[in-house]
Amino acid sequence: MARAAALTPDDRRKWERDLLTRYLERFAELTDVKPDFDECFRNYRQQIVHALLMWTITLCHSPLLPNMQPEDTTLTMIERMSTAMADLDWLKE
């Protein structure tokens, strides 16, 4: 999820498959387990809603909790997550 929030939408669109490929290659080097790219990408797409939820909680937290991030940062992350959800058709099987 980090790349969906940390990267601008244009950069995420350009790099997310390559970044996941590199992550899976490195994982395989360290564990001798080669995860299936399509399954991992599907899981990545479907878990984006969880990241959106976490950023929304950051924006709309209880008054008993401290501000965890500046509001403009949180709104940027929510926008990026929402854009990723739309781009990646997160509900598709």
PDB file of N, CA and C in Angstrom:
ATOM      1  N   MET A   1       0.793  -1.195   0.000  1.00  0.00           N
ATOM      2  CA  MET A   1       0.000   0.000   0.000  1.00  0.00           C
ATOM      3  C   MET A   1       0.838   1.262   0.000  1.00  0.00           C
ATOM      4  N   ALA A   2       2.045   1.143   0.506  1.00  0.00           N
ATOM      5  CA  ALA A   2       2.857   2.357   0.637  1.00  0.00           C
ATOM      6  C   ALA A   2       3.033   3.060  -0.689  1.00  0.00           C
ATOM      7  N   ARG A   3       3.238   2.286  -1.751  1.00  0.00           N
ATOM      8  CA  ARG A   3       3.463   2.978  -3.025  1.00  0.00           C
ATOM      9  C   ARG A   3       2.211   3.694  -3.501  1.00  0.00           C
ATOM     10  N   ALA A   4       1.048   3.193  -3.181  1.00  0.00           N
ATOM     11  CA  ALA A   4      -0.180   3.862  -3.619  1.00  0.00           C
ATOM     12  C   ALA A   4      -0.367   5.196  -2.919  1.00  0.00           C
ATOM     13  N   ALA A   5       0.134   5.325  -1.717  1.00  0.00           N
ATOM     14  CA  ALA A   5       0.022   6.585  -0.978  1.00  0.00           C
ATOM     15  C   ALA A   5       1.247   7.469  -1.181  1.00  0.00           C
ATOM     16  N   ALA A   6       2.421   6.871  -1.203  1.00  0.00           N
ATOM     17  CA  ALA A   6       3.649   7.665  -1.228  1.00  0.00           C
ATOM     18  C   ALA A   6       3.944   8.267  -2.592  1.00  0.00           C
ATOM     19  N   LEU A   7       3.539   7.590  -3.653  1.00  0.00           N
ATOM     20  CA  LEU A   7       3.824   8.074  -4.999  1.00  0.00           C
ATOM     21  C   LEU A   7       2.680   8.918  -5.535  1.00  0.00           C
ATOM     22  N   THR A   8       3.012   9.878  -6.373  1.00  0.00           N
ATOM     23  CA  THR A   8       1.955  10.602  -7.070  1.00  0.00           C
ATOM     24  C   THR A   8       1.211   9.602  -7.950  1.00  0.00           C
ATOM     25  N   PRO A   9      -0.034   9.875  -8.296  1.00  0.00           N
ATOM     26  CA  PRO A   9      -0.754   8.929  -9.150  1.00  0.00           C
ATOM     27  C   PRO A   9      -0.019   8.616 -10.457  1.00  0.00           C
ATOM     28  N   ASP A  10       0.573   9.616 -11.091  1.00  0.00           N
ATOM     29  CA  ASP A  10       1.298   9.354 -12.343  1.00  0.00           C
ATOM     30  C   ASP A  10       2.487   8.427 -12.120  1.00  0.00           C
ATOM     31  N   ASP A  11       3.259   8.681 -11.062  1.00  0.00           N
ATOM     32  CA  ASP A  11       4.404   7.818 -10.776  1.00  0.00           C
ATOM     33  C   ASP A  11       3.951   6.417 -10.386  1.00  0.00           C
ATOM     34  N   ARG A  12       2.890   6.319  -9.594  1.00  0.00           N
ATOM     35  CA  ARG A  12       2.378   4.989  -9.223  1.00  0.00           C
ATOM     36  C   ARG A  12       1.975   4.221 -10.462  1.00  0.00           C
ATOM     37  N   ARG A  13       1.261   4.884 -11.364  1.00  0.00           N
ATOM     38  CA  ARG A  13       0.825   4.203 -12.586  1.00  0.00           C
ATOM     39  C   ARG A  13       2.022   3.685 -13.389  1.00  0.00           C
ATOM     40  N   LYS A  14       3.094   4.464 -13.431  1.00  0.00           N
ATOM     41  CA  LYS A  14       4.286   4.072 -14.197  1.00  0.00           C
ATOM     42  C   LYS A  14       5.069   2.955 -13.515  1.00  0.00           C
ATOM     43  N   TRP A  15       5.134   2.956 -12.201  1.00  0.00           N
ATOM     44  CA  TRP A  15       6.098   2.117 -11.490  1.00  0.00           C
ATOM     45  C   TRP A  15       5.523   0.988 -10.657  1.00  0.00           C
ATOM     46  N   GLU A  16       4.218   0.955 -10.378  1.00  0.00           N
ATOM     47  CA  GLU A  16       3.749  -0.002  -9.382  1.00  0.00           C
ATOM     48  C   GLU A  16       3.968  -1.455  -9.780  1.00  0.00           C
ATOM     49  N   ARG A  17       3.793  -1.794 -11.030  1.00  0.00           N
ATOM     50  CA  ARG A  17       4.037  -3.190 -11.442  1.00  0.00           C
ATOM     51  C   ARG A  17       5.519  -3.540 -11.352  1.00  0.00           C
ATOM     52  N   ASP A  18       6.382  -2.609 -11.775  1.00  0.00           N
ATOM     53  CA  ASP A  18       7.820  -2.851 -11.667  1.00  0.00           C
ATOM     54  C   ASP A  18       8.263  -2.944 -10.213  1.00  0.00           C
ATOM     55  N   LEU A  19       7.708  -2.099  -9.355  1.00  0.00           N
ATOM     56  CA  LEU A  19       8.057  -2.155  -7.933  1.00  0.00           C
ATOM     57  C   LEU A  19       7.613  -3.474  -7.310  1.00  0.00           C
ATOM     58  N   LEU A  20       6.410  -3.914  -7.646  1.00  0.00           N
ATOM     59  CA  LEU A  20       5.941  -5.195  -7.107  1.00  0.00           C
ATOM     60  C   LEU A  20       6.792  -6.338  -7.644  1.00  0.00           C
ATOM     61  N   THR A  21       7.137  -6.284  -8.922  1.00  0.00           N
ATOM     62  CA  THR A  21       8.000  -7.321  -9.497  1.00  0.00           C
ATOM     63  C   THR A  21       9.325  -7.386  -8.754  1.00  0.00           C
ATOM     64  N   ARG A  22       9.925  -6.239  -8.504  1.00  0.00           N
ATOM     65  CA  ARG A  22      11.209  -6.206  -7.786  1.00  0.00           C
ATOM     66  C   ARG A  22      11.059  -6.729  -6.354  1.00  0.00           C
ATOM     67  N   TYR A  23       9.991  -6.333  -5.697  1.00  0.00           N
ATOM     68  CA  TYR A  23       9.743  -6.820  -4.339  1.00  0.00           C
ATOM     69  C   TYR A  23       9.624  -8.346  -4.334  1.00  0.00           C
ATOM     70  N   LEU A  24       8.868  -8.897  -5.284  1.00  0.00           N
ATOM     71  CA  LEU A  24       8.673 -10.346  -5.330  1.00  0.00           C
ATOM     72  C   LEU A  24       9.969 -11.075  -5.684  1.00  0.00           C
ATOM     73  N   GLU A  25      10.777 -10.474  -6.559  1.00  0.00           N
ATOM     74  CA  GLU A  25      12.083 -11.063  -6.880  1.00  0.00           C
ATOM     75  C   GLU A  25      12.963 -11.112  -5.635  1.00  0.00           C
ATOM     76  N   ARG A  26      13.007 -10.021  -4.903  1.00  0.00           N
ATOM     77  CA  ARG A  26      13.835  -9.960  -3.690  1.00  0.00           C
ATOM     78  C   ARG A  26      13.306 -10.931  -2.632  1.00  0.00           C
ATOM     79  N   PHE A  27      11.993 -11.011  -2.493  1.00  0.00           N
ATOM     80  CA  PHE A  27      11.378 -11.967  -1.570  1.00  0.00           C
ATOM     81  C   PHE A  27      11.814 -13.386  -1.930  1.00  0.00           C
ATOM     82  N   ALA A  28      11.765 -13.707  -3.227  1.00  0.00           N
ATOM     83  CA  ALA A  28      12.156 -15.048  -3.678  1.00  0.00           C
ATOM     84  C   ALA A  28      13.636 -15.316  -3.390  1.00  0.00           C
ATOM     85  N   GLU A  29      14.487 -14.299  -3.577  1.00  0.00           N
ATOM     86  CA  GLU A  29      15.915 -14.450  -3.281  1.00  0.00           C
ATOM     87  C   GLU A  29      16.150 -14.789  -1.806  1.00  0.00           C
ATOM     88  N   LEU A  30      15.386 -14.171  -0.943  1.00  0.00           N
ATOM     89  CA  LEU A  30      15.587 -14.336   0.503  1.00  0.00           C
ATOM     90  C   LEU A  30      14.905 -15.572   1.079  1.00  0.00           C
ATOM     91  N   THR A  31      13.855 -16.051   0.415  1.00  0.00           N
ATOM     92  CA  THR A  31      13.054 -17.132   1.008  1.00  0.00           C
ATOM     93  C   THR A  31      12.983 -18.401   0.166  1.00  0.00           C
ATOM     94  N   ASP A  32      13.446 -18.339  -1.076  1.00  0.00           N
ATOM     95  CA  ASP A  32      13.289 -19.458  -2.021  1.00  0.00           C
ATOM     96  C   ASP A  32      11.823 -19.767  -2.311  1.00  0.00           C
ATOM     97  N   VAL A  33      10.954 -18.795  -2.090  1.00  0.00           N
ATOM     98  CA  VAL A  33       9.532 -18.909  -2.417  1.00  0.00           C
ATOM     99  C   VAL A  33       9.229 -17.847  -3.461  1.00  0.00           C
ATOM    100  N   LYS A  34       8.665 -18.277  -4.600  1.00  0.00           N
ATOM    101  CA  LYS A  34       8.352 -17.321  -5.664  1.00  0.00           C
ATOM    102  C   LYS A  34       6.839 -17.121  -5.730  1.00  0.00           C
ATOM    103  N   PRO A  35       6.339 -16.038  -5.139  1.00  0.00           N
ATOM    104  CA  PRO A  35       4.899 -15.776  -5.180  1.00  0.00           C
ATOM    105  C   PRO A  35       4.425 -15.487  -6.611  1.00  0.00           C
ATOM    106  N   ASP A  36       3.197 -15.812  -6.881  1.00  0.00           N
ATOM    107  CA  ASP A  36       2.588 -15.548  -8.179  1.00  0.00           C
ATOM    108  C   ASP A  36       2.287 -14.051  -8.314  1.00  0.00           C
ATOM    109  N   PHE A  37       2.798 -13.419  -9.366  1.00  0.00           N
ATOM    110  CA  PHE A  37       2.612 -11.977  -9.546  1.00  0.00           C
ATOM    111  C   PHE A  37       1.131 -11.615  -9.621  1.00  0.00           C
ATOM    112  N   ASP A  38       0.358 -12.319 -10.433  1.00  0.00           N
ATOM    113  CA  ASP A  38      -1.056 -11.955 -10.611  1.00  0.00           C
ATOM    114  C   ASP A  38      -1.828 -12.039  -9.299  1.00  0.00           C
ATOM    115  N   GLU A  39      -1.564 -13.064  -8.521  1.00  0.00           N
ATOM    116  CA  GLU A  39      -2.230 -13.189  -7.222  1.00  0.00           C
ATOM    117  C   GLU A  39      -1.813 -12.044  -6.287  1.00  0.00           C
ATOM    118  N   CYS A  40      -0.542 -11.732  -6.281  1.00  0.00           N
ATOM    119  CA  CYS A  40      -0.052 -10.645  -5.422  1.00  0.00           C
ATOM    120  C   CYS A  40      -0.602  -9.294  -5.870  1.00  0.00           C
ATOM    121  N   PHE A  41      -0.678  -9.077  -7.173  1.00  0.00           N
ATOM    122  CA  PHE A  41      -1.207  -7.806  -7.658  1.00  0.00           C
ATOM    123  C   PHE A  41      -2.701  -7.685  -7.330  1.00  0.00           C
ATOM    124  N   ARG A  42      -3.430  -8.796  -7.461  1.00  0.00           N
ATOM    125  CA  ARG A  42      -4.849  -8.785  -7.081  1.00  0.00           C
ATOM    126  C   ARG A  42      -4.997  -8.450  -5.598  1.00  0.00           C
ATOM    127  N   ASN A  43      -4.180  -9.059  -4.754  1.00  0.00           N
ATOM    128  CA  ASN A  43      -4.229  -8.763  -3.314  1.00  0.00           C
ATOM    129  C   ASN A  43      -3.895  -7.294  -3.048  1.00  0.00           C
ATOM    130  N   TYR A  44      -2.898  -6.781  -3.725  1.00  0.00           N
ATOM    131  CA  TYR A  44      -2.522  -5.364  -3.603  1.00  0.00           C
ATOM    132  C   TYR A  44      -3.718  -4.477  -3.960  1.00  0.00           C
ATOM    133  N   ARG A  45      -4.350  -4.747  -5.094  1.00  0.00           N
ATOM    134  CA  ARG A  45      -5.502  -3.945  -5.519  1.00  0.00           C
ATOM    135  C   ARG A  45      -6.633  -4.003  -4.493  1.00  0.00           C
ATOM    136  N   GLN A  46      -6.911  -5.184  -3.996  1.00  0.00           N
ATOM    137  CA  GLN A  46      -8.050  -5.356  -3.111  1.00  0.00           C
ATOM    138  C   GLN A  46      -7.807  -4.811  -1.710  1.00  0.00           C
ATOM    139  N   GLN A  47      -6.571  -4.650  -1.309  1.00  0.00           N
ATOM    140  CA  GLN A  47      -6.267  -4.141   0.028  1.00  0.00           C
ATOM    141  C   GLN A  47      -6.156  -2.625   0.089  1.00  0.00           C
ATOM    142  N   ILE A  48      -6.282  -1.965  -1.055  1.00  0.00           N
ATOM    143  CA  ILE A  48      -6.176  -0.505  -1.066  1.00  0.00           C
ATOM    144  C   ILE A  48      -7.264   0.131  -0.200  1.00  0.00           C
ATOM    145  N   VAL A  49      -8.421  -0.475  -0.145  1.00  0.00           N
ATOM    146  CA  VAL A  49      -9.495   0.080   0.680  1.00  0.00           C
ATOM    147  C   VAL A  49      -9.072   0.146   2.148  1.00  0.00           C
ATOM    148  N   HIS A  50      -8.272  -0.796   2.595  1.00  0.00           N
ATOM    149  CA  HIS A  50      -7.781  -0.781   3.981  1.00  0.00           C
ATOM    150  C   HIS A  50      -6.900   0.441   4.223  1.00  0.00           C
ATOM    151  N   ALA A  51      -6.031   0.741   3.273  1.00  0.00           N
ATOM    152  CA  ALA A  51      -5.169   1.924   3.411  1.00  0.00           C
ATOM    153  C   ALA A  51      -6.008   3.202   3.417  1.00  0.00           C
ATOM    154  N   LEU A  52      -7.032   3.249   2.590  1.00  0.00           N
ATOM    155  CA  LEU A  52      -7.927   4.415   2.590  1.00  0.00           C
ATOM    156  C   LEU A  52      -8.596   4.562   3.957  1.00  0.00           C
ATOM    157  N   LEU A  53      -9.025   3.474   4.520  1.00  0.00           N
ATOM    158  CA  LEU A  53      -9.648   3.508   5.841  1.00  0.00           C
ATOM    159  C   LEU A  53      -8.687   4.077   6.887  1.00  0.00           C
ATOM    160  N   MET A  54      -7.439   3.640   6.858  1.00  0.00           N
ATOM    161  CA  MET A  54      -6.462   4.118   7.840  1.00  0.00           C
ATOM    162  C   MET A  54      -6.192   5.618   7.685  1.00  0.00           C
ATOM    163  N   TRP A  55      -6.119   6.100   6.459  1.00  0.00           N
ATOM    164  CA  TRP A  55      -5.917   7.541   6.266  1.00  0.00           C
ATOM    165  C   TRP A  55      -7.166   8.319   6.657  1.00  0.00           C
ATOM    166  N   THR A  56      -8.346   7.754   6.438  1.00  0.00           N
ATOM    167  CA  THR A  56      -9.582   8.435   6.823  1.00  0.00           C
ATOM    168  C   THR A  56      -9.664   8.561   8.342  1.00  0.00           C
ATOM    169  N   ILE A  57      -9.264   7.531   9.049  1.00  0.00           N
ATOM    170  CA  ILE A  57      -9.231   7.593  10.513  1.00  0.00           C
ATOM    171  C   ILE A  57      -8.264   8.675  10.968  1.00  0.00           C
ATOM    172  N   THR A  58      -7.161   8.824  10.259  1.00  0.00           N
ATOM    173  CA  THR A  58      -6.190   9.874  10.591  1.00  0.00           C
ATOM    174  C   THR A  58      -6.833  11.250  10.481  1.00  0.00           C
ATOM    175  N   LEU A  59      -7.693  11.427   9.496  1.00  0.00           N
ATOM    176  CA  LEU A  59      -8.366  12.713   9.293  1.00  0.00           C
ATOM    177  C   LEU A  59      -9.519  12.893  10.278  1.00  0.00           C
ATOM    178  N   CYS A  60     -10.276  11.841  10.513  1.00  0.00           N
ATOM    179  CA  CYS A  60     -11.515  11.934  11.306  1.00  0.00           C
ATOM    180  C   CYS A  60     -11.375  11.173  12.627  1.00  0.00           C
ATOM    181  N   HIS A  61     -10.341  11.457  13.368  1.00  0.00           N
ATOM    182  CA  HIS A  61     -10.086  10.721  14.600  1.00  0.00           C
ATOM    183  C   HIS A  61     -10.872  11.316  15.778  1.00  0.00           C
ATOM    184  N   SER A  62     -10.889  10.568  16.847  1.00  0.00           N
ATOM    185  CA  SER A  62     -11.530  11.005  18.077  1.00  0.00           C
ATOM    186  C   SER A  62     -10.828  12.255  18.610  1.00  0.00           C
ATOM    187  N   PRO A  63     -11.573  13.158  19.218  1.00  0.00           N
ATOM    188  CA  PRO A  63     -10.925  14.332  19.819  1.00  0.00           C
ATOM    189  C   PRO A  63      -9.993  13.966  20.972  1.00  0.00           C
ATOM    190  N   LEU A  64     -10.089  12.744  21.450  1.00  0.00           N
ATOM    191  CA  LEU A  64      -9.207  12.298  22.531  1.00  0.00           C
ATOM    192  C   LEU A  64      -7.816  11.907  22.014  1.00  0.00           C
ATOM    193  N   LEU A  65      -7.686  11.765  20.693  1.00  0.00           N
ATOM    194  CA  LEU A  65      -6.401  11.395  20.101  1.00  0.00           C
ATOM    195  C   LEU A  65      -5.709  12.627  19.532  1.00  0.00           C
ATOM    196  N   PRO A  66      -4.391  12.599  19.483  1.00  0.00           N
ATOM    197  CA  PRO A  66      -3.677  13.737  18.907  1.00  0.00           C
ATOM    198  C   PRO A  66      -3.791  13.737  17.386  1.00  0.00           C
ATOM    199  N   ASN A  67      -3.528  14.888  16.797  1.00  0.00           N
ATOM    200  CA  ASN A  67      -3.426  14.942  15.341  1.00  0.00           C
ATOM    201  C   ASN A  67      -2.203  14.139  14.939  1.00  0.00           C
ATOM    202  N   MET A  68      -2.406  13.160  14.066  1.00  0.00           N
ATOM    203  CA  MET A  68      -1.303  12.278  13.706  1.00  0.00           C
ATOM    204  C   MET A  68      -0.536  12.776  12.490  1.00  0.00           C
ATOM    205  N   GLN A  69      -1.199  13.508  11.628  1.00  0.00           N
ATOM    206  CA  GLN A  69      -0.587  14.056  10.421  1.00  0.00           C
ATOM    207  C   GLN A  69      -1.208  15.421  10.151  1.00  0.00           C
ATOM    208  N   PRO A  70      -0.480  16.297   9.462  1.00  0.00           N
ATOM    209  CA  PRO A  70      -1.114  17.548   9.045  1.00  0.00           C
ATOM    210  C   PRO A  70      -2.300  17.246   8.126  1.00  0.00           C
ATOM    211  N   GLU A  71      -3.338  18.039   8.220  1.00  0.00           N
ATOM    212  CA  GLU A  71      -4.550  17.784   7.435  1.00  0.00           C
ATOM    213  C   GLU A  71      -4.267  17.756   5.941  1.00  0.00           C
ATOM    214  N   ASP A  72      -3.424  18.646   5.428  1.00  0.00           N
ATOM    215  CA  ASP A  72      -3.156  18.649   3.993  1.00  0.00           C
ATOM    216  C   ASP A  72      -2.455  17.369   3.541  1.00  0.00           C
ATOM    217  N   THR A  73      -1.579  16.824   4.381  1.00  0.00           N
ATOM    218  CA  THR A  73      -0.931  15.549   4.062  1.00  0.00           C
ATOM    219  C   THR A  73      -1.964  14.431   4.015  1.00  0.00           C
ATOM    220  N   THR A  74      -2.830  14.397   5.011  1.00  0.00           N
ATOM    221  CA  THR A  74      -3.861  13.359   5.067  1.00  0.00           C
ATOM    222  C   THR A  74      -4.789  13.435   3.872  1.00  0.00           C
ATOM    223  N   LEU A  75      -5.206  14.636   3.500  1.00  0.00           N
ATOM    224  CA  LEU A  75      -6.091  14.789   2.338  1.00  0.00           C
ATOM    225  C   LEU A  75      -5.396  14.362   1.050  1.00  0.00           C
ATOM    226  N   THR A  76      -4.109  14.637   0.936  1.00  0.00           N
ATOM    227  CA  THR A  76      -3.356  14.185  -0.237  1.00  0.00           C
ATOM    228  C   THR A  76      -3.335  12.664  -0.299  1.00  0.00           C
ATOM    229  N   MET A  77      -3.098  12.024   0.842  1.00  0.00           N
ATOM    230  CA  MET A  77      -3.056  10.559   0.872  1.00  0.00           C
ATOM    231  C   MET A  77      -4.419   9.950   0.557  1.00  0.00           C
ATOM    232  N   ILE A  78      -5.476  10.542   1.077  1.00  0.00           N
ATOM    233  CA  ILE A  78      -6.827  10.046   0.780  1.00  0.00           C
ATOM    234  C   ILE A  78      -7.113  10.187  -0.721  1.00  0.00           C
ATOM    235  N   GLU A  79      -6.724  11.305  -1.289  1.00  0.00           N
ATOM    236  CA  GLU A  79      -6.922  11.493  -2.736  1.00  0.00           C
ATOM    237  C   GLU A  79      -6.134  10.451  -3.531  1.00  0.00           C
ATOM    238  N   ARG A  80      -4.891  10.201  -3.139  1.00  0.00           N
ATOM    239  CA  ARG A  80      -4.074   9.209  -3.850  1.00  0.00           C
ATOM    240  C   ARG A  80      -4.654   7.812  -3.725  1.00  0.00           C
ATOM    241  N   MET A  81      -5.121   7.455  -2.539  1.00  0.00           N
ATOM    242  CA  MET A  81      -5.706   6.125  -2.344  1.00  0.00           C
ATOM    243  C   MET A  81      -6.989   5.977  -3.157  1.00  0.00           C
ATOM    244  N   SER A  82      -7.810   7.011  -3.156  1.00  0.00           N
ATOM    245  CA  SER A  82      -9.059   6.969  -3.920  1.00  0.00           C
ATOM    246  C   SER A  82      -8.774   6.853  -5.416  1.00  0.00           C
ATOM    247  N   THR A  83      -7.771   7.577  -5.877  1.00  0.00           N
ATOM    248  CA  THR A  83      -7.389   7.498  -7.283  1.00  0.00           C
ATOM    249  C   THR A  83      -6.888   6.096  -7.617  1.00  0.00           C
ATOM    250  N   ALA A  84      -6.073   5.522  -6.748  1.00  0.00           N
ATOM    251  CA  ALA A  84      -5.578   4.165  -6.974  1.00  0.00           C
ATOM    252  C   ALA A  84      -6.727   3.162  -7.011  1.00  0.00           C
ATOM    253  N   MET A  85      -7.686   3.322  -6.118  1.00  0.00           N
ATOM    254  CA  MET A  85      -8.839   2.414  -6.115  1.00  0.00           C
ATOM    255  C   MET A  85      -9.576   2.474  -7.444  1.00  0.00           C
ATOM    256  N   ALA A  86      -9.778   3.678  -7.964  1.00  0.00           N
ATOM    257  CA  ALA A  86     -10.462   3.828  -9.259  1.00  0.00           C
ATOM    258  C   ALA A  86      -9.609   3.286 -10.392  1.00  0.00           C
ATOM    259  N   ASP A  87      -8.333   3.609 -10.400  1.00  0.00           N
ATOM    260  CA  ASP A  87      -7.442   3.140 -11.459  1.00  0.00           C
ATOM    261  C   ASP A  87      -7.378   1.622 -11.532  1.00  0.00           C
ATOM    262  N   LEU A  88      -7.333   1.002 -10.381  1.00  0.00           N
ATOM    263  CA  LEU A  88      -7.064  -0.436 -10.301  1.00  0.00           C
ATOM    264  C   LEU A  88      -8.315  -1.292 -10.205  1.00  0.00           C
ATOM    265  N   ASP A  89      -9.486  -0.658 -10.262  1.00  0.00           N
ATOM    266  CA  ASP A  89     -10.738  -1.412 -10.206  1.00  0.00           C
ATOM    267  C   ASP A  89     -10.690  -2.404  -9.042  1.00  0.00           C
ATOM    268  N   TRP A  90     -10.539  -1.856  -7.844  1.00  0.00           N
ATOM    269  CA  TRP A  90     -10.227  -2.655  -6.649  1.00  0.00           C
ATOM    270  C   TRP A  90     -11.250  -3.725  -6.303  1.00  0.00           C
ATOM    271  N   LEU A  91     -12.478  -3.608  -6.801  1.00  0.00           N
ATOM    272  CA  LEU A  91     -13.485  -4.635  -6.503  1.00  0.00           C
ATOM    273  C   LEU A  91     -13.455  -5.821  -7.467  1.00  0.00           C
ATOM    274  N   LYS A  92     -12.747  -5.655  -8.579  1.00  0.00           N
ATOM    275  CA  LYS A  92     -12.697  -6.721  -9.584  1.00  0.00           C
ATOM    276  C   LYS A  92     -11.980  -7.943  -9.020  1.00  0.00           C
ATOM    277  N   GLU A  93     -12.489  -9.098  -9.301  1.00  0.00           N
ATOM    278  CA  GLU A  93     -11.853 -10.355  -8.847  1.00  0.00           C
ATOM    279  C   GLU A  93     -10.633 -10.619  -9.595  1.00  0.00           C
TER     280      GLU A  93
END
